[in-house]
Protein backbone atom coordinates (compact mmCIF):
# COMPACT_ATOMS: atom_id res chain seq x y z
CA MET A 1 -28.37 -4.70 5.48
CA THR A 2 -27.32 -1.02 5.60
CA GLN A 3 -29.91 1.28 7.15
CA THR A 4 -30.96 4.42 5.30
CA PRO A 5 -30.13 7.48 7.46
CA ASP A 6 -33.14 9.36 8.81
CA PRO A 7 -33.69 12.28 6.36
CA VAL A 8 -35.06 14.54 9.13
CA LEU A 9 -32.01 13.87 11.31
CA ALA A 10 -29.74 14.39 8.31
CA ARG A 11 -31.15 17.90 7.90
CA GLU A 12 -30.73 18.60 11.61
CA LEU A 13 -27.16 17.32 11.96
CA PRO A 14 -25.37 20.27 10.30
CA ARG A 15 -27.06 22.61 12.78
CA MET A 16 -26.02 20.39 15.69
CA ILE A 17 -22.45 20.29 14.38
CA ALA A 18 -22.36 24.08 14.05
CA ALA A 19 -23.61 24.49 17.63
CA ALA A 20 -20.97 22.10 19.03
CA ALA A 21 -18.08 23.15 16.78
CA GLU A 22 -15.28 25.23 18.28
CA PRO A 23 -14.11 27.63 15.54
CA LEU A 24 -10.35 27.55 14.99
CA PRO A 25 -8.04 30.34 13.81
CA ASP A 26 -5.41 29.81 11.14
CA PRO A 27 -2.77 27.26 12.24
CA SER A 28 -0.21 30.09 12.37
CA ASP A 29 -2.13 31.61 15.31
CA PRO A 30 -0.92 30.30 18.73
CA ALA A 31 -4.57 29.93 19.72
CA PHE A 32 -4.87 27.05 17.25
CA GLY A 33 -2.54 24.80 19.22
CA ALA A 34 -3.95 26.00 22.55
CA ALA A 35 -7.34 24.51 21.60
CA PHE A 36 -5.74 21.10 22.12
CA ASP A 37 -4.69 21.68 25.73
CA ARG A 38 -7.43 19.18 26.61
CA TYR A 39 -5.06 16.43 25.41
CA GLY A 40 -1.98 17.71 27.20
CA ASP A 41 -2.04 14.96 29.83
CA ARG A 42 -2.37 12.07 27.34
CA ARG A 43 0.46 9.61 26.83
CA VAL A 44 -0.14 9.55 23.08
CA VAL A 45 -1.95 12.03 20.85
CA LEU A 46 -2.55 10.68 17.34
CA LEU A 47 -3.15 13.30 14.64
CA GLY A 48 -4.58 12.14 11.34
CA GLU A 49 -5.00 13.50 7.84
CA ALA A 50 -7.59 12.83 5.15
CA SER A 51 -4.89 12.88 2.46
CA HIS A 52 -1.11 12.66 2.23
CA GLY A 53 -0.85 15.85 0.16
CA THR A 54 -2.78 18.63 1.94
CA SER A 55 -0.91 21.61 3.38
CA GLU A 56 -3.48 22.52 6.03
CA PHE A 57 -3.25 19.08 7.62
CA TYR A 58 0.54 19.32 7.94
CA ARG A 59 0.38 22.88 9.25
CA ALA A 60 -2.33 22.01 11.76
CA ARG A 61 -0.46 18.97 13.06
CA ALA A 62 2.69 21.05 13.36
CA ALA A 63 0.85 23.75 15.34
CA ILE A 64 -0.71 21.21 17.71
CA THR A 65 2.59 19.38 18.15
CA ARG A 66 4.54 22.57 18.84
CA HIS A 67 2.05 23.51 21.55
CA LEU A 68 2.16 20.07 23.17
CA ILE A 69 5.97 20.13 23.14
CA GLU A 70 6.19 23.65 24.58
CA HIS A 71 3.49 23.36 27.23
CA HIS A 72 2.93 19.68 27.99
CA GLY A 73 6.32 17.99 27.79
CA VAL A 74 5.97 15.91 24.64
CA THR A 75 9.41 14.55 23.64
CA ALA A 76 8.64 12.28 20.67
CA VAL A 77 7.14 13.03 17.27
CA ALA A 78 6.47 9.70 15.54
CA VAL A 79 5.35 9.82 11.92
CA GLU A 80 4.15 7.54 9.14
CA ALA A 81 7.60 7.45 7.58
CA ASP A 82 10.40 4.91 7.43
CA TRP A 83 12.68 4.72 10.46
CA PRO A 84 16.04 5.24 8.67
CA ASP A 85 14.72 8.24 6.70
CA ALA A 86 13.29 9.91 9.79
CA ALA A 87 16.57 9.19 11.63
CA VAL A 88 18.33 11.66 9.34
CA LEU A 89 15.89 14.36 10.40
CA ASP A 90 16.19 13.28 14.03
CA ALA A 91 19.96 13.77 13.92
CA TYR A 92 19.40 17.25 12.48
CA VAL A 93 16.78 18.42 14.97
CA ARG A 94 18.80 17.12 17.94
CA HIS A 95 22.11 18.56 16.72
CA ARG A 96 23.74 15.14 16.41
CA PRO A 97 26.08 13.88 13.70
CA ARG A 98 24.42 12.06 10.85
CA ARG A 99 25.14 8.33 10.69
CA ASP A 100 28.00 7.48 8.33
CA GLY A 101 26.67 6.32 4.98
CA ALA A 102 23.11 7.52 5.62
CA GLU A 103 21.35 8.34 2.36
CA PRO A 104 19.41 11.58 1.87
CA PRO A 105 15.94 10.92 3.29
CA PHE A 106 12.67 10.45 1.43
CA GLN A 107 14.05 9.78 -2.02
CA ARG A 108 11.46 7.14 -2.91
CA PHE A 109 7.85 7.59 -4.03
CA PRO A 110 5.97 9.57 -2.76
CA THR A 111 8.70 12.13 -2.18
CA TRP A 112 6.28 15.03 -1.59
CA MET A 113 4.74 13.34 1.46
CA TRP A 114 7.66 14.36 3.70
CA ARG A 115 9.88 16.47 1.41
CA ASN A 116 7.62 19.51 1.43
CA THR A 117 7.81 23.06 2.74
CA ASP A 118 5.45 22.44 5.67
CA VAL A 119 7.53 19.57 7.03
CA MET A 120 10.73 21.57 6.51
CA ALA A 121 9.28 24.49 8.51
CA PHE A 122 8.36 22.17 11.40
CA VAL A 123 11.77 20.48 11.34
CA GLU A 124 13.51 23.86 11.52
CA TRP A 125 11.33 24.84 14.47
CA LEU A 126 12.12 21.56 16.23
CA ARG A 127 15.85 22.09 15.73
CA ALA A 128 15.60 25.58 17.23
CA TRP A 129 13.55 24.28 20.17
CA ASN A 130 16.12 21.59 20.96
CA ALA A 131 19.13 23.93 20.79
CA GLY A 132 20.96 24.09 24.11
CA LYS A 133 18.60 21.66 25.89
CA PRO A 134 19.89 18.51 27.59
CA PRO A 135 19.13 15.29 25.67
CA GLU A 136 16.31 14.23 28.00
CA ARG A 137 14.40 17.45 27.32
CA GLN A 138 14.85 17.42 23.56
CA ALA A 139 12.06 16.29 21.26
CA GLY A 140 12.98 13.62 18.73
CA PHE A 141 11.61 12.86 15.26
CA PHE A 142 10.99 9.16 14.59
CA GLY A 143 9.66 7.03 11.73
CA LEU A 144 7.17 4.26 12.41
CA ASP A 145 6.95 2.66 8.97
CA MET A 146 8.82 -0.25 7.40
CA TYR A 147 9.36 0.19 3.66
CA ASN A 148 13.03 1.28 3.55
CA MET A 149 14.56 -2.17 4.00
CA GLY A 150 17.85 -1.23 2.33
CA GLY A 151 18.37 1.82 4.53
CA SER A 152 17.71 -0.23 7.65
CA ILE A 153 20.16 -2.96 6.64
CA SER A 154 22.84 -0.32 6.11
CA ALA A 155 22.11 1.24 9.52
CA VAL A 156 22.37 -2.09 11.37
CA LEU A 157 25.69 -2.92 9.70
CA THR A 158 27.14 0.53 10.38
CA TYR A 159 26.19 0.26 14.06
CA LEU A 160 27.64 -3.23 14.48
CA ASP A 161 30.83 -2.22 12.66
CA GLU A 162 31.37 0.29 15.48
CA VAL A 163 30.33 -1.74 18.54
CA ASP A 164 30.86 -5.40 17.55
CA PRO A 165 32.78 -6.02 14.30
CA GLU A 166 32.50 -9.79 14.68
CA ALA A 167 28.71 -9.56 14.93
CA ALA A 168 28.75 -7.24 11.89
CA GLY A 169 30.31 -10.02 9.82
CA VAL A 170 27.55 -12.43 10.84
CA ALA A 171 24.92 -9.81 10.02
CA ARG A 172 26.36 -9.23 6.54
CA GLU A 173 26.10 -12.93 5.81
CA ARG A 174 22.53 -13.10 7.05
CA TYR A 175 21.38 -10.04 5.14
CA GLY A 176 23.13 -11.24 2.00
CA CYS A 177 20.09 -13.23 0.89
CA LEU A 178 18.10 -9.97 0.66
CA HIS A 179 20.75 -8.05 -1.26
CA PRO A 180 19.22 -8.53 -4.74
CA TRP A 181 15.99 -6.88 -3.61
CA GLN A 182 17.14 -4.04 -1.34
CA GLU A 183 16.37 -1.36 -3.92
CA GLU A 184 13.13 -2.98 -5.17
CA PRO A 185 11.87 -5.06 -2.25
CA ALA A 186 8.45 -5.66 -3.81
CA ARG A 187 10.21 -8.01 -6.25
CA TYR A 188 11.18 -10.17 -3.27
CA GLY A 189 7.54 -11.14 -2.71
CA ARG A 190 7.22 -12.38 -6.28
CA ALA A 191 10.44 -14.37 -5.98
CA VAL A 192 9.31 -16.07 -2.77
CA LEU A 193 6.18 -17.36 -4.48
CA THR A 194 8.24 -19.35 -6.97
CA GLU A 195 11.68 -19.92 -5.46
CA GLY A 196 13.22 -21.16 -2.21
CA TYR A 197 13.97 -17.90 -0.41
CA ARG A 198 12.27 -18.71 2.88
CA ARG A 199 15.73 -18.99 4.43
CA CYS A 200 15.80 -15.16 4.48
CA GLU A 201 12.98 -15.14 7.01
CA LYS A 202 14.93 -17.14 9.58
CA ALA A 203 18.15 -15.21 9.00
CA VAL A 204 16.75 -11.69 9.44
CA THR A 205 14.62 -12.69 12.44
CA GLN A 206 17.65 -14.23 14.14
CA GLN A 207 19.63 -11.05 13.52
CA TRP A 208 17.01 -9.00 15.34
CA ARG A 209 16.93 -11.49 18.21
CA ASP A 210 20.71 -11.39 18.52
CA LEU A 211 20.58 -7.64 18.97
CA LEU A 212 17.95 -7.99 21.68
CA GLU A 213 20.02 -10.61 23.49
CA LYS A 214 22.92 -8.16 23.66
CA ARG A 215 20.69 -5.25 24.68
CA LEU A 216 22.41 -4.59 28.01
CA SER A 217 25.97 -4.52 26.72
CA TYR A 218 25.15 -2.57 23.56
CA ALA A 219 22.82 -0.06 25.26
CA ALA A 220 25.42 0.64 27.93
CA GLU A 221 27.68 2.03 25.19
CA ASP A 222 25.02 4.22 23.52
CA GLY A 223 21.34 3.88 24.43
CA MET A 224 19.98 5.86 21.49
CA GLY A 225 22.39 4.15 19.12
CA PHE A 226 21.11 0.77 20.27
CA LEU A 227 17.46 1.83 19.88
CA ASP A 228 18.20 2.92 16.31
CA ALA A 229 19.94 -0.35 15.45
CA GLU A 230 17.32 -2.52 17.16
CA ARG A 231 14.44 -0.78 15.40
CA ASN A 232 16.22 -1.06 12.06
CA ALA A 233 16.80 -4.78 12.60
CA ARG A 234 13.13 -5.17 13.53
CA LEU A 235 12.15 -3.23 10.41
CA VAL A 236 14.15 -5.59 8.19
CA ALA A 237 12.45 -8.62 9.77
CA SER A 238 9.00 -7.04 9.43
CA ALA A 239 9.65 -5.85 5.88
CA GLU A 240 10.87 -9.29 4.80
CA ARG A 241 7.61 -10.81 6.01
CA TYR A 242 5.53 -7.94 4.61
CA TYR A 243 6.93 -8.27 1.10
CA ARG A 244 6.67 -12.05 1.33
CA ILE A 245 2.93 -12.01 2.11
CA MET A 246 1.76 -8.93 0.19
CA TYR A 247 1.05 -10.98 -2.96
CA TYR A 248 -1.61 -12.99 -1.18
CA GLY A 249 -3.70 -9.82 -1.04
CA ASP A 250 -5.38 -10.37 2.32
CA GLU A 251 -5.49 -8.30 5.51
CA GLU A 252 -2.32 -9.87 6.92
CA SER A 253 0.06 -7.44 5.21
CA TRP A 254 -1.89 -4.38 6.44
CA ASN A 255 -2.08 -5.79 9.96
CA LEU A 256 1.64 -6.59 10.00
CA ARG A 257 2.48 -3.04 8.96
CA ASP A 258 0.29 -1.32 11.58
CA THR A 259 1.38 -3.73 14.30
CA HIS A 260 4.99 -2.91 13.43
CA MET A 261 4.23 0.83 13.68
CA PHE A 262 2.54 0.35 17.05
CA GLU A 263 5.43 -1.72 18.44
CA THR A 264 7.89 0.91 17.22
CA LEU A 265 5.90 3.59 19.06
CA GLN A 266 5.99 1.45 22.21
CA SER A 267 9.78 1.10 21.88
CA ILE A 268 10.26 4.86 21.50
CA LEU A 269 8.25 5.61 24.64
CA GLU A 270 9.94 2.80 26.59
CA ALA A 271 13.36 4.19 25.67
CA GLN A 272 12.35 7.67 26.87
CA GLY A 273 10.97 6.55 30.22
CA PRO A 274 7.63 5.98 31.98
CA ASP A 275 6.55 9.62 31.80
CA ALA A 276 7.34 10.14 28.10
CA LYS A 277 4.65 11.48 25.78
CA ALA A 278 4.39 11.20 22.01
CA VAL A 279 2.50 12.77 19.13
CA VAL A 280 1.83 10.56 16.10
CA TRP A 281 1.27 11.85 12.54
CA ALA A 282 -0.38 9.35 10.21
CA HIS A 283 -3.30 9.00 7.81
CA ASN A 284 -6.86 8.79 9.15
CA SER A 285 -6.94 5.18 7.98
CA HIS A 286 -4.19 4.40 10.51
CA ILE A 287 -5.30 6.80 13.26
CA GLY A 288 -9.05 6.16 13.45
CA ASP A 289 -10.03 3.05 15.43
CA ALA A 290 -10.41 0.36 12.75
CA ARG A 291 -13.07 -1.49 14.74
CA HIS A 292 -15.56 1.22 13.76
CA THR A 293 -14.81 1.28 10.04
CA ASP A 294 -15.34 -0.95 7.03
CA MET A 295 -11.67 -1.94 7.18
CA GLY A 296 -12.13 -3.57 10.57
CA GLN A 297 -15.70 -4.79 10.34
CA ARG A 298 -15.61 -6.20 6.82
CA ARG A 299 -11.94 -6.86 6.08
CA GLY A 300 -10.61 -7.87 9.48
CA GLU A 301 -7.97 -5.11 9.50
CA LEU A 302 -6.62 -3.41 12.59
CA ASN A 303 -4.60 -0.21 12.87
CA ILE A 304 -2.36 1.79 15.16
CA GLY A 305 -5.27 3.84 16.52
CA GLN A 306 -7.11 0.71 17.63
CA LEU A 307 -3.95 -0.77 19.16
CA CYS A 308 -3.20 2.45 21.06
CA ARG A 309 -6.72 2.50 22.51
CA GLU A 310 -6.45 -1.15 23.52
CA TRP A 311 -3.05 -0.59 25.18
CA TRP A 312 -3.34 2.92 26.68
CA GLY A 313 -7.10 3.32 26.95
CA ASP A 314 -8.11 6.91 27.68
CA GLN A 315 -4.44 7.93 27.69
CA ALA A 316 -4.58 7.82 23.87
CA ALA A 317 -6.40 10.60 21.98
CA LEU A 318 -7.37 9.95 18.34
CA VAL A 319 -7.92 13.10 16.24
CA GLY A 320 -9.21 12.85 12.66
CA PHE A 321 -9.04 15.54 9.96
CA GLY A 322 -11.37 16.28 7.05
CA THR A 323 -11.98 18.65 4.14
CA HIS A 324 -14.72 19.45 1.64
CA THR A 325 -12.83 20.60 -1.43
CA GLY A 326 -9.70 22.35 -2.70
CA THR A 327 -6.50 20.95 -4.18
CA VAL A 328 -4.28 18.01 -3.22
CA ALA A 329 -0.84 16.72 -4.21
CA ALA A 330 -1.27 13.14 -5.41
CA ALA A 331 -0.45 10.73 -8.22
CA THR A 332 -2.78 8.86 -10.55
CA ASP A 333 -0.86 5.58 -10.25
CA TRP A 334 1.68 4.14 -7.84
CA ASP A 335 5.16 5.43 -8.63
CA GLY A 336 3.64 8.07 -10.90
CA ASP A 337 4.40 11.77 -11.04
CA MET A 338 2.97 14.12 -8.45
CA GLU A 339 0.09 16.21 -9.75
CA VAL A 340 -1.89 19.01 -8.13
CA LYS A 341 -5.45 17.73 -8.44
CA ARG A 342 -8.78 19.34 -7.71
CA VAL A 343 -10.62 17.63 -4.85
CA ARG A 344 -14.23 17.01 -5.74
CA PRO A 345 -16.79 18.50 -3.32
CA SER A 346 -17.67 15.95 -0.65
CA ARG A 347 -20.81 13.87 -0.96
CA ALA A 348 -23.93 15.03 0.87
CA ASP A 349 -24.31 11.57 2.48
CA SER A 350 -20.83 11.70 4.05
CA TYR A 351 -19.48 13.06 7.33
CA GLU A 352 -17.61 15.60 5.21
CA GLY A 353 -20.88 16.68 3.61
CA LEU A 354 -22.43 17.26 7.04
CA SER A 355 -19.37 19.23 8.17
CA HIS A 356 -19.54 21.41 5.07
CA GLU A 357 -23.26 22.07 5.56
CA SER A 358 -22.56 23.31 9.10
CA GLY A 359 -21.26 26.51 7.53
CA VAL A 360 -18.25 26.73 9.90
CA PRO A 361 -15.14 26.92 7.71
CA ARG A 362 -12.57 25.67 10.26
CA PHE A 363 -13.38 23.96 13.53
CA LEU A 364 -12.59 21.42 16.24
CA LEU A 365 -15.41 19.03 17.10
CA ASP A 366 -14.83 17.34 20.46
CA LEU A 367 -16.76 14.09 20.01
CA ARG A 368 -16.54 13.26 23.73
CA ARG A 369 -17.96 16.56 24.98
CA ASP A 370 -21.52 16.34 23.58
CA PRO A 371 -23.11 12.88 24.06
CA ASP A 372 -26.27 13.91 22.18
CA LEU A 373 -24.25 14.91 19.12
CA ALA A 374 -22.17 11.74 19.32
CA ALA A 375 -25.36 9.67 19.42
CA ALA A 376 -26.82 11.59 16.47
CA LEU A 377 -23.66 11.03 14.43
CA GLY A 378 -23.54 7.37 15.45
CA GLU A 379 -25.25 6.01 12.34
CA PRO A 380 -22.46 4.77 10.00
CA ARG A 381 -21.84 7.10 7.07
CA ARG A 382 -19.39 7.52 4.25
CA GLU A 383 -16.01 9.10 4.96
CA ARG A 384 -13.40 10.09 2.36
CA PHE A 385 -9.84 8.72 2.32
CA ILE A 386 -7.25 10.09 -0.14
CA GLY A 387 -3.77 8.62 0.07
CA VAL A 388 -0.86 9.24 -2.28
CA ILE A 389 -3.18 8.15 -5.12
CA TYR A 390 -6.26 10.20 -6.01
CA ARG A 391 -8.67 9.24 -8.78
CA PRO A 392 -11.56 11.69 -8.70
CA GLU A 393 -13.22 9.99 -11.68
CA SER A 394 -13.87 6.89 -9.51
CA GLU A 395 -14.02 8.68 -6.18
CA LEU A 396 -17.01 6.84 -4.65
CA ALA A 397 -15.51 3.39 -5.23
CA SER A 398 -11.88 4.40 -4.69
CA HIS A 399 -11.95 6.85 -1.80
CA TYR A 400 -15.07 6.44 0.35
CA ALA A 401 -15.71 3.90 3.09
CA ARG A 402 -18.36 3.55 5.80
CA CYS A 403 -17.31 4.58 9.30
CA THR A 404 -18.84 5.60 12.63
CA LEU A 405 -17.08 8.90 13.28
CA PRO A 406 -17.74 9.40 17.04
CA LEU A 407 -16.39 5.89 17.78
CA GLN A 408 -13.57 6.10 15.26
CA PHE A 409 -12.11 9.36 16.67
CA ASP A 410 -12.14 11.38 19.89
CA ALA A 411 -12.18 14.64 17.92
CA TRP A 412 -12.61 15.87 14.34
CA VAL A 413 -10.68 18.82 12.87
CA TRP A 414 -12.32 20.44 9.85
CA PHE A 415 -11.01 22.63 7.03
CA ASP A 416 -13.72 23.40 4.49
CA GLU A 417 -11.27 24.25 1.70
CA THR A 418 -7.66 23.09 1.55
CA THR A 419 -4.58 23.39 -0.67
CA ALA A 420 -1.89 21.05 -1.93
CA VAL A 421 1.49 20.79 -0.23
CA THR A 422 4.47 22.42 -1.96
CA PRO A 423 7.25 19.90 -2.65
CA LEU A 424 10.82 20.97 -2.00
CA GLY A 425 12.69 22.16 -5.08
CA PRO A 426 16.18 23.42 -5.89
CA GLU A 427 15.39 26.75 -4.26
CA HIS A 428 15.39 24.99 -0.87
CA HIS A 429 18.92 23.66 -1.24
CA PRO A 430 21.40 25.12 1.28
CA GLU A 431 23.40 26.73 -1.53
CA HIS A 432 20.46 29.07 -2.06
CA GLY A 433 20.19 29.96 1.62
CA ALA A 434 22.34 31.51 4.27
CA GLU A 435 25.94 30.56 4.92
CA GLY A 436 26.81 28.22 7.73
CA VAL A 437 24.22 25.54 7.00
CA PRO A 438 25.13 22.51 9.18
CA ASP A 439 26.50 19.35 7.58
CA THR A 440 23.53 17.44 8.97
CA TYR A 441 21.06 19.57 6.96
CA PRO A 442 18.56 16.93 5.81
CA PHE A 443 16.87 18.47 2.79
CA GLY A 444 19.73 18.95 0.33
CA LEU A 445 18.71 17.95 -3.21
């Protein structure tokens, strides 16, 4: 039975939050990133977001990440995006040639999540930072997610065509069973329920294993090229299983996805060496430790934040983000058009409501610094989650879940009012900019 929060404590909490909160400047101020020096020695810093369409969250994560790259040696930015799409941006920021046949990135729904002006500004900064630096000191841009099955198949075949044409022929035969669904992989799950396509599972898993067995010979030719091919082969195997089980509607598909993201993060850090550090950008639902949320306690779901804590312990810092009101870029239905929607003011019985009542418009709350505050906030409360879908008319049922904030996160970043991201349009095409735009420019429309 859910306990009713103490009304006296509820009135006192906003004052306690205000006393503990560290006011933050605008993310454009260098002092914003400097506030996160406390996490400079961590192996992994995970930065969340309360929605996929809020400019302040992207700008804040960019400011923190820039500071950690400049002052604390971070060399990997790993984001909740598909590996082959992010690889196009990685080639751009590290001044490398784009893989032959690579499609323009982030062409599938929701395009605004990564094709927006805030991401473009960060990518341009990262490219400038990497210019002239040796490869080991450059910071890469990597995707952790697993939806772009077709792009990953193409990447594996292109790699094998170059290093092992005979193996490429075998791979084409194995991946052939997935060909009808590469563009619409969700249809594969429906087909598996009624037809004999389980043979695809064995074929794509064996292809990944074959790459691993040849790790030494392939990696000796091109270490980063092998990492890209191996992760793409792993993505295809994970995606095949994901789309096969998603129609059962249980926690297994979520857990497979977050486990895949965690294992990809491990591979990135392993490839960069024992002292490598990474920053992760993903939604609060992936970043906050699932064991202290409804998703873990009631639905048996895990997430990348939980897995990072279990693997790296105190060397992983989990930072959540929240907002009270403003605007957000989101759709009403999956695969629908992007709309700029008004975010309803947060509920008084939520962590967002308490943050709003503190009266501090923008702050960092270090949940490990003040044990008394952490204890006071330790009663589970509602927390708002907006993804690429936002339905304000059913907000309580659709977008709130019970969490225990001081156990879910190590810190909480607050923006009282926020604005929607600006998607890239024709005005951001190189033809409208300066001459000499490199061929690897990733955001051509």
